[in-house]
């Protein structure tokens, strides 16, 4: 049982670290560029800023908080 708990803890720590890195990348363009390069993508700061300027407010919000989707289904019909 202890090994199972240790494995769960390790997994939780890894997931939290990944979320932390994603959050930092969303807030810092240089961190975003570095994270993209680690995944095989190559962008300049100007390219990132240009692409972000084309996104709607809703799309930008989903980048900042990807766990919360639009709440259109909660609006009265």
PDB file of N, CA and C in Angstrom:
ATOM      1  N   UNK A   1       0.823  -1.198   0.000  1.00  0.00           N
ATOM      2  CA  UNK A   1       0.000   0.000   0.000  1.00  0.00           C
ATOM      3  C   UNK A   1       0.866   1.261   0.000  1.00  0.00           C
ATOM      4  N   UNK A   2       1.989   1.233   0.697  1.00  0.00           N
ATOM      5  CA  UNK A   2       2.850   2.417   0.754  1.00  0.00           C
ATOM      6  C   UNK A   2       3.427   2.747  -0.617  1.00  0.00           C
ATOM      7  N   UNK A   3       3.759   1.728  -1.413  1.00  0.00           N
ATOM      8  CA  UNK A   3       4.296   1.979  -2.750  1.00  0.00           C
ATOM      9  C   UNK A   3       3.248   2.635  -3.641  1.00  0.00           C
ATOM     10  N   UNK A   4       2.002   2.226  -3.482  1.00  0.00           N
ATOM     11  CA  UNK A   4       0.926   2.827  -4.263  1.00  0.00           C
ATOM     12  C   UNK A   4       0.776   4.293  -3.910  1.00  0.00           C
ATOM     13  N   UNK A   5       0.803   4.609  -2.618  1.00  0.00           N
ATOM     14  CA  UNK A   5       0.690   6.001  -2.184  1.00  0.00           C
ATOM     15  C   UNK A   5       1.878   6.825  -2.665  1.00  0.00           C
ATOM     16  N   UNK A   6       3.070   6.246  -2.613  1.00  0.00           N
ATOM     17  CA  UNK A   6       4.260   6.954  -3.076  1.00  0.00           C
ATOM     18  C   UNK A   6       4.156   7.231  -4.577  1.00  0.00           C
ATOM     19  N   UNK A   7       3.649   6.269  -5.326  1.00  0.00           N
ATOM     20  CA  UNK A   7       3.487   6.456  -6.772  1.00  0.00           C
ATOM     21  C   UNK A   7       2.466   7.550  -7.055  1.00  0.00           C
ATOM     22  N   UNK A   8       1.373   7.572  -6.300  1.00  0.00           N
ATOM     23  CA  UNK A   8       0.354   8.610  -6.473  1.00  0.00           C
ATOM     24  C   UNK A   8       0.928   9.985  -6.143  1.00  0.00           C
ATOM     25  N   UNK A   9       1.713  10.060  -5.072  1.00  0.00           N
ATOM     26  CA  UNK A   9       2.332  11.326  -4.681  1.00  0.00           C
ATOM     27  C   UNK A   9       3.291  11.797  -5.770  1.00  0.00           C
ATOM     28  N   UNK A  10       4.106  10.884  -6.277  1.00  0.00           N
ATOM     29  CA  UNK A  10       5.060  11.237  -7.330  1.00  0.00           C
ATOM     30  C   UNK A  10       4.325  11.757  -8.565  1.00  0.00           C
ATOM     31  N   UNK A  11       3.262  11.072  -8.954  1.00  0.00           N
ATOM     32  CA  UNK A  11       2.471  11.493 -10.112  1.00  0.00           C
ATOM     33  C   UNK A  11       1.861  12.866  -9.881  1.00  0.00           C
ATOM     34  N   UNK A  12       1.329  13.092  -8.681  1.00  0.00           N
ATOM     35  CA  UNK A  12       0.715  14.385  -8.363  1.00  0.00           C
ATOM     36  C   UNK A  12       1.744  15.508  -8.419  1.00  0.00           C
ATOM     37  N   UNK A  13       2.941  15.255  -7.910  1.00  0.00           N
ATOM     38  CA  UNK A  13       4.002  16.265  -7.934  1.00  0.00           C
ATOM     39  C   UNK A  13       4.399  16.570  -9.377  1.00  0.00           C
ATOM     40  N   UNK A  14       4.530  15.538 -10.202  1.00  0.00           N
ATOM     41  CA  UNK A  14       4.891  15.740 -11.610  1.00  0.00           C
ATOM     42  C   UNK A  14       3.823  16.555 -12.337  1.00  0.00           C
ATOM     43  N   UNK A  15       2.545  16.245 -12.088  1.00  0.00           N
ATOM     44  CA  UNK A  15       1.456  16.979 -12.732  1.00  0.00           C
ATOM     45  C   UNK A  15       1.448  18.435 -12.289  1.00  0.00           C
ATOM     46  N   UNK A  16       1.677  18.665 -10.998  1.00  0.00           N
ATOM     47  CA  UNK A  16       1.696  20.030 -10.478  1.00  0.00           C
ATOM     48  C   UNK A  16       2.846  20.824 -11.089  1.00  0.00           C
ATOM     49  N   UNK A  17       3.995  20.180 -11.231  1.00  0.00           N
ATOM     50  CA  UNK A  17       5.143  20.853 -11.840  1.00  0.00           C
ATOM     51  C   UNK A  17       4.835  21.211 -13.289  1.00  0.00           C
ATOM     52  N   UNK A  18       4.201  20.307 -14.019  1.00  0.00           N
ATOM     53  CA  UNK A  18       3.845  20.579 -15.414  1.00  0.00           C
ATOM     54  C   UNK A  18       2.862  21.737 -15.496  1.00  0.00           C
ATOM     55  N   UNK A  19       1.877  21.772 -14.606  1.00  0.00           N
ATOM     56  CA  UNK A  19       0.914  22.870 -14.595  1.00  0.00           C
ATOM     57  C   UNK A  19       1.593  24.189 -14.272  1.00  0.00           C
ATOM     58  N   UNK A  20       2.536  24.150 -13.338  1.00  0.00           N
ATOM     59  CA  UNK A  20       3.273  25.354 -12.963  1.00  0.00           C
ATOM     60  C   UNK A  20       4.070  25.889 -14.153  1.00  0.00           C
ATOM     61  N   UNK A  21       4.715  24.989 -14.894  1.00  0.00           N
ATOM     62  CA  UNK A  21       5.483  25.402 -16.072  1.00  0.00           C
ATOM     63  C   UNK A  21       4.565  25.980 -17.141  1.00  0.00           C
ATOM     64  N   UNK A  22       3.393  25.386 -17.324  1.00  0.00           N
ATOM     65  CA  UNK A  22       2.445  25.890 -18.314  1.00  0.00           C
ATOM     66  C   UNK A  22       1.935  27.264 -17.916  1.00  0.00           C
ATOM     67  N   UNK A  23       1.674  27.455 -16.632  1.00  0.00           N
ATOM     68  CA  UNK A  23       1.185  28.747 -16.153  1.00  0.00           C
ATOM     69  C   UNK A  23       2.254  29.815 -16.371  1.00  0.00           C
ATOM     70  N   UNK A  24       3.502  29.491 -16.044  1.00  0.00           N
ATOM     71  CA  UNK A  24       4.592  30.447 -16.246  1.00  0.00           C
ATOM     72  C   UNK A  24       4.727  30.796 -17.726  1.00  0.00           C
ATOM     73  N   UNK A  25       4.607  29.798 -18.592  1.00  0.00           N
ATOM     74  CA  UNK A  25       4.721  30.036 -20.030  1.00  0.00           C
ATOM     75  C   UNK A  25       3.599  30.931 -20.535  1.00  0.00           C
ATOM     76  N   UNK A  26       2.416  30.787 -19.968  1.00  0.00           N
ATOM     77  CA  UNK A  26       1.287  31.622 -20.387  1.00  0.00           C
ATOM     78  C   UNK A  26       1.476  33.066 -19.952  1.00  0.00           C
ATOM     79  N   UNK A  27       2.220  33.275 -18.872  1.00  0.00           N
ATOM     80  CA  UNK A  27       2.420  34.622 -18.340  1.00  0.00           C
ATOM     81  C   UNK A  27       3.696  35.282 -18.854  1.00  0.00           C
ATOM     82  N   UNK A  28       4.623  34.498 -19.408  1.00  0.00           N
ATOM     83  CA  UNK A  28       5.929  35.005 -19.797  1.00  0.00           C
ATOM     84  C   UNK A  28       6.245  34.504 -21.209  1.00  0.00           C
ATOM     85  N   UNK A  29       6.371  35.412 -22.150  1.00  0.00           N
ATOM     86  CA  UNK A  29       6.575  35.015 -23.544  1.00  0.00           C
ATOM     87  C   UNK A  29       7.876  34.238 -23.719  1.00  0.00           C
ATOM     88  N   UNK A  30       8.948  34.646 -23.053  1.00  0.00           N
ATOM     89  CA  UNK A  30      10.222  33.926 -23.180  1.00  0.00           C
ATOM     90  C   UNK A  30      10.081  32.497 -22.675  1.00  0.00           C
ATOM     91  N   UNK A  31       9.378  32.306 -21.559  1.00  0.00           N
ATOM     92  CA  UNK A  31       9.157  30.954 -21.037  1.00  0.00           C
ATOM     93  C   UNK A  31       8.324  30.138 -22.025  1.00  0.00           C
ATOM     94  N   UNK A  32       7.355  30.796 -22.662  1.00  0.00           N
ATOM     95  CA  UNK A  32       6.533  30.119 -23.662  1.00  0.00           C
ATOM     96  C   UNK A  32       7.386  29.665 -24.841  1.00  0.00           C
ATOM     97  N   UNK A  33       8.262  30.545 -25.305  1.00  0.00           N
ATOM     98  CA  UNK A  33       9.132  30.219 -26.437  1.00  0.00           C
ATOM     99  C   UNK A  33      10.048  29.050 -26.084  1.00  0.00           C
ATOM    100  N   UNK A  34      10.599  29.054 -24.873  1.00  0.00           N
ATOM    101  CA  UNK A  34      11.469  27.958 -24.438  1.00  0.00           C
ATOM    102  C   UNK A  34      10.703  26.644 -24.368  1.00  0.00           C
ATOM    103  N   UNK A  35       9.477  26.684 -23.828  1.00  0.00           N
ATOM    104  CA  UNK A  35       8.659  25.479 -23.737  1.00  0.00           C
ATOM    105  C   UNK A  35       8.319  24.965 -25.138  1.00  0.00           C
ATOM    106  N   UNK A  36       8.025  25.872 -26.060  1.00  0.00           N
ATOM    107  CA  UNK A  36       7.716  25.479 -27.437  1.00  0.00           C
ATOM    108  C   UNK A  36       8.933  24.831 -28.099  1.00  0.00           C
ATOM    109  N   UNK A  37      10.112  25.396 -27.874  1.00  0.00           N
ATOM    110  CA  UNK A  37      11.329  24.846 -28.471  1.00  0.00           C
ATOM    111  C   UNK A  37      11.615  23.444 -27.951  1.00  0.00           C
ATOM    112  N   UNK A  38      11.315  23.198 -26.678  1.00  0.00           N
ATOM    113  CA  UNK A  38      11.500  21.862 -26.114  1.00  0.00           C
ATOM    114  C   UNK A  38      10.587  20.848 -26.798  1.00  0.00           C
ATOM    115  N   UNK A  39       9.500  21.325 -27.366  1.00  0.00           N
ATOM    116  CA  UNK A  39       8.540  20.445 -28.036  1.00  0.00           C
ATOM    117  C   UNK A  39       8.705  20.461 -29.560  1.00  0.00           C
ATOM    118  N   UNK A  40       9.769  21.120 -30.039  1.00  0.00           N
ATOM    119  CA  UNK A  40      10.073  21.103 -31.463  1.00  0.00           C
ATOM    120  C   UNK A  40       9.486  22.244 -32.274  1.00  0.00           C
ATOM    121  N   UNK A  41       8.919  23.250 -31.609  1.00  0.00           N
ATOM    122  CA  UNK A  41       8.360  24.408 -32.310  1.00  0.00           C
ATOM    123  C   UNK A  41       9.332  25.571 -32.184  1.00  0.00           C
ATOM    124  N   UNK A  42       9.396  26.396 -33.216  1.00  0.00           N
ATOM    125  CA  UNK A  42      10.318  27.528 -33.196  1.00  0.00           C
ATOM    126  C   UNK A  42       9.568  28.801 -33.566  1.00  0.00           C
ATOM    127  N   UNK A  43       9.462  29.704 -32.610  1.00  0.00           N
ATOM    128  CA  UNK A  43       8.768  30.972 -32.796  1.00  0.00           C
ATOM    129  C   UNK A  43       9.640  32.110 -32.297  1.00  0.00           C
ATOM    130  N   UNK A  44       9.446  33.270 -32.886  1.00  0.00           N
ATOM    131  CA  UNK A  44      10.075  34.472 -32.352  1.00  0.00           C
ATOM    132  C   UNK A  44       9.050  35.171 -31.464  1.00  0.00           C
ATOM    133  N   UNK A  45       9.518  36.106 -30.671  1.00  0.00           N
ATOM    134  CA  UNK A  45       8.615  36.859 -29.799  1.00  0.00           C
ATOM    135  C   UNK A  45       7.595  37.639 -30.627  1.00  0.00           C
ATOM    136  N   UNK A  46       8.037  38.174 -31.749  1.00  0.00           N
ATOM    137  CA  UNK A  46       7.134  38.936 -32.617  1.00  0.00           C
ATOM    138  C   UNK A  46       6.031  38.049 -33.189  1.00  0.00           C
ATOM    139  N   UNK A  47       6.392  36.818 -33.574  1.00  0.00           N
ATOM    140  CA  UNK A  47       5.387  35.891 -34.103  1.00  0.00           C
ATOM    141  C   UNK A  47       4.339  35.547 -33.047  1.00  0.00           C
ATOM    142  N   UNK A  48       4.787  35.327 -31.822  1.00  0.00           N
ATOM    143  CA  UNK A  48       3.858  35.007 -30.730  1.00  0.00           C
ATOM    144  C   UNK A  48       2.917  36.181 -30.494  1.00  0.00           C
ATOM    145  N   UNK A  49       3.474  37.379 -30.387  1.00  0.00           N
ATOM    146  CA  UNK A  49       2.641  38.560 -30.138  1.00  0.00           C
ATOM    147  C   UNK A  49       1.643  38.776 -31.271  1.00  0.00           C
ATOM    148  N   UNK A  50       2.078  38.558 -32.501  1.00  0.00           N
ATOM    149  CA  UNK A  50       1.187  38.720 -33.646  1.00  0.00           C
ATOM    150  C   UNK A  50       0.035  37.723 -33.585  1.00  0.00           C
ATOM    151  N   UNK A  51       0.339  36.470 -33.296  1.00  0.00           N
ATOM    152  CA  UNK A  51      -0.709  35.446 -33.222  1.00  0.00           C
ATOM    153  C   UNK A  51      -1.668  35.716 -32.068  1.00  0.00           C
ATOM    154  N   UNK A  52      -1.133  36.137 -30.924  1.00  0.00           N
ATOM    155  CA  UNK A  52      -1.994  36.424 -29.772  1.00  0.00           C
ATOM    156  C   UNK A  52      -2.920  37.600 -30.044  1.00  0.00           C
ATOM    157  N   UNK A  53      -2.469  38.540 -30.859  1.00  0.00           N
ATOM    158  CA  UNK A  53      -3.306  39.704 -31.147  1.00  0.00           C
ATOM    159  C   UNK A  53      -4.531  39.331 -31.982  1.00  0.00           C
ATOM    160  N   UNK A  54      -4.506  38.177 -32.628  1.00  0.00           N
ATOM    161  CA  UNK A  54      -5.633  37.729 -33.455  1.00  0.00           C
ATOM    162  C   UNK A  54      -6.667  36.919 -32.664  1.00  0.00           C
ATOM    163  N   UNK A  55      -6.365  36.586 -31.415  1.00  0.00           N
ATOM    164  CA  UNK A  55      -7.280  35.766 -30.621  1.00  0.00           C
ATOM    165  C   UNK A  55      -8.366  36.618 -29.980  1.00  0.00           C
ATOM    166  N   UNK A  56      -9.538  36.023 -29.810  1.00  0.00           N
ATOM    167  CA  UNK A  56     -10.633  36.717 -29.127  1.00  0.00           C
ATOM    168  C   UNK A  56     -10.351  36.737 -27.625  1.00  0.00           C
ATOM    169  N   UNK A  57     -11.101  37.543 -26.889  1.00  0.00           N
ATOM    170  CA  UNK A  57     -10.935  37.598 -25.436  1.00  0.00           C
ATOM    171  C   UNK A  57     -11.194  36.234 -24.813  1.00  0.00           C
ATOM    172  N   UNK A  58     -12.172  35.515 -25.337  1.00  0.00           N
ATOM    173  CA  UNK A  58     -12.501  34.193 -24.804  1.00  0.00           C
ATOM    174  C   UNK A  58     -11.353  33.212 -25.031  1.00  0.00           C
ATOM    175  N   UNK A  59     -10.741  33.268 -26.207  1.00  0.00           N
ATOM    176  CA  UNK A  59      -9.614  32.387 -26.506  1.00  0.00           C
ATOM    177  C   UNK A  59      -8.415  32.722 -25.625  1.00  0.00           C
ATOM    178  N   UNK A  60      -8.160  34.004 -25.407  1.00  0.00           N
ATOM    179  CA  UNK A  60      -7.064  34.404 -24.517  1.00  0.00           C
ATOM    180  C   UNK A  60      -7.326  33.945 -23.092  1.00  0.00           C
ATOM    181  N   UNK A  61      -8.568  34.065 -22.639  1.00  0.00           N
ATOM    182  CA  UNK A  61      -8.919  33.625 -21.290  1.00  0.00           C
ATOM    183  C   UNK A  61      -8.695  32.129 -21.141  1.00  0.00           C
ATOM    184  N   UNK A  62      -8.989  31.358 -22.180  1.00  0.00           N
ATOM    185  CA  UNK A  62      -8.789  29.911 -22.088  1.00  0.00           C
ATOM    186  C   UNK A  62      -7.307  29.560 -22.026  1.00  0.00           C
ATOM    187  N   UNK A  63      -6.439  30.415 -22.568  1.00  0.00           N
ATOM    188  CA  UNK A  63      -5.000  30.193 -22.441  1.00  0.00           C
ATOM    189  C   UNK A  63      -4.541  30.428 -21.010  1.00  0.00           C
ATOM    190  N   UNK A  64      -5.100  31.434 -20.364  1.00  0.00           N
ATOM    191  CA  UNK A  64      -4.725  31.756 -18.989  1.00  0.00           C
ATOM    192  C   UNK A  64      -5.275  30.745 -17.999  1.00  0.00           C
ATOM    193  N   UNK A  65      -6.467  30.220 -18.258  1.00  0.00           N
ATOM    194  CA  UNK A  65      -7.091  29.277 -17.344  1.00  0.00           C
ATOM    195  C   UNK A  65      -7.752  28.177 -18.167  1.00  0.00           C
ATOM    196  N   UNK A  66      -6.947  27.223 -18.658  1.00  0.00           N
ATOM    197  CA  UNK A  66      -7.490  26.222 -19.570  1.00  0.00           C
ATOM    198  C   UNK A  66      -8.498  25.273 -18.938  1.00  0.00           C
ATOM    199  N   UNK A  67      -8.569  25.215 -17.626  1.00  0.00           N
ATOM    200  CA  UNK A  67      -9.495  24.302 -16.963  1.00  0.00           C
ATOM    201  C   UNK A  67     -10.912  24.814 -16.897  1.00  0.00           C
ATOM    202  N   UNK A  68     -11.124  26.066 -17.249  1.00  0.00           N
ATOM    203  CA  UNK A  68     -12.457  26.654 -17.171  1.00  0.00           C
ATOM    204  C   UNK A  68     -12.895  27.030 -18.578  1.00  0.00           C
ATOM    205  N   UNK A  69     -13.888  26.320 -19.065  1.00  0.00           N
ATOM    206  CA  UNK A  69     -14.386  26.574 -20.411  1.00  0.00           C
ATOM    207  C   UNK A  69     -15.467  27.631 -20.404  1.00  0.00           C
ATOM    208  N   UNK A  70     -15.909  28.012 -21.574  1.00  0.00           N
ATOM    209  CA  UNK A  70     -16.991  28.999 -21.650  1.00  0.00           C
ATOM    210  C   UNK A  70     -18.252  28.456 -20.996  1.00  0.00           C
ATOM    211  N   UNK A  71     -18.996  29.350 -20.419  1.00  0.00           N
ATOM    212  CA  UNK A  71     -20.193  28.946 -19.690  1.00  0.00           C
ATOM    213  C   UNK A  71     -21.461  29.269 -20.471  1.00  0.00           C
ATOM    214  N   UNK A  72     -21.413  29.134 -21.779  1.00  0.00           N
ATOM    215  CA  UNK A  72     -22.575  29.462 -22.604  1.00  0.00           C
ATOM    216  C   UNK A  72     -23.786  28.621 -22.229  1.00  0.00           C
ATOM    217  N   UNK A  73     -23.552  27.390 -21.811  1.00  0.00           N
ATOM    218  CA  UNK A  73     -24.661  26.509 -21.477  1.00  0.00           C
ATOM    219  C   UNK A  73     -25.381  26.933 -20.197  1.00  0.00           C
ATOM    220  N   UNK A  74     -24.803  27.847 -19.429  1.00  0.00           N
ATOM    221  CA  UNK A  74     -25.419  28.303 -18.190  1.00  0.00           C
ATOM    222  C   UNK A  74     -26.321  29.511 -18.393  1.00  0.00           C
ATOM    223  N   UNK A  75     -26.245  30.118 -19.564  1.00  0.00           N
ATOM    224  CA  UNK A  75     -27.070  31.287 -19.831  1.00  0.00           C
ATOM    225  C   UNK A  75     -28.509  30.860 -20.089  1.00  0.00           C
ATOM    226  N   UNK A  76     -29.476  31.630 -19.593  1.00  0.00           N
ATOM    227  CA  UNK A  76     -30.872  31.268 -19.854  1.00  0.00           C
ATOM    228  C   UNK A  76     -31.187  31.372 -21.340  1.00  0.00           C
ATOM    229  N   UNK A  77     -32.037  30.509 -21.798  1.00  0.00           N
ATOM    230  CA  UNK A  77     -32.406  30.492 -23.224  1.00  0.00           C
ATOM    231  C   UNK A  77     -33.647  31.275 -23.464  1.00  0.00           C
TER     232      UNK A  77
END
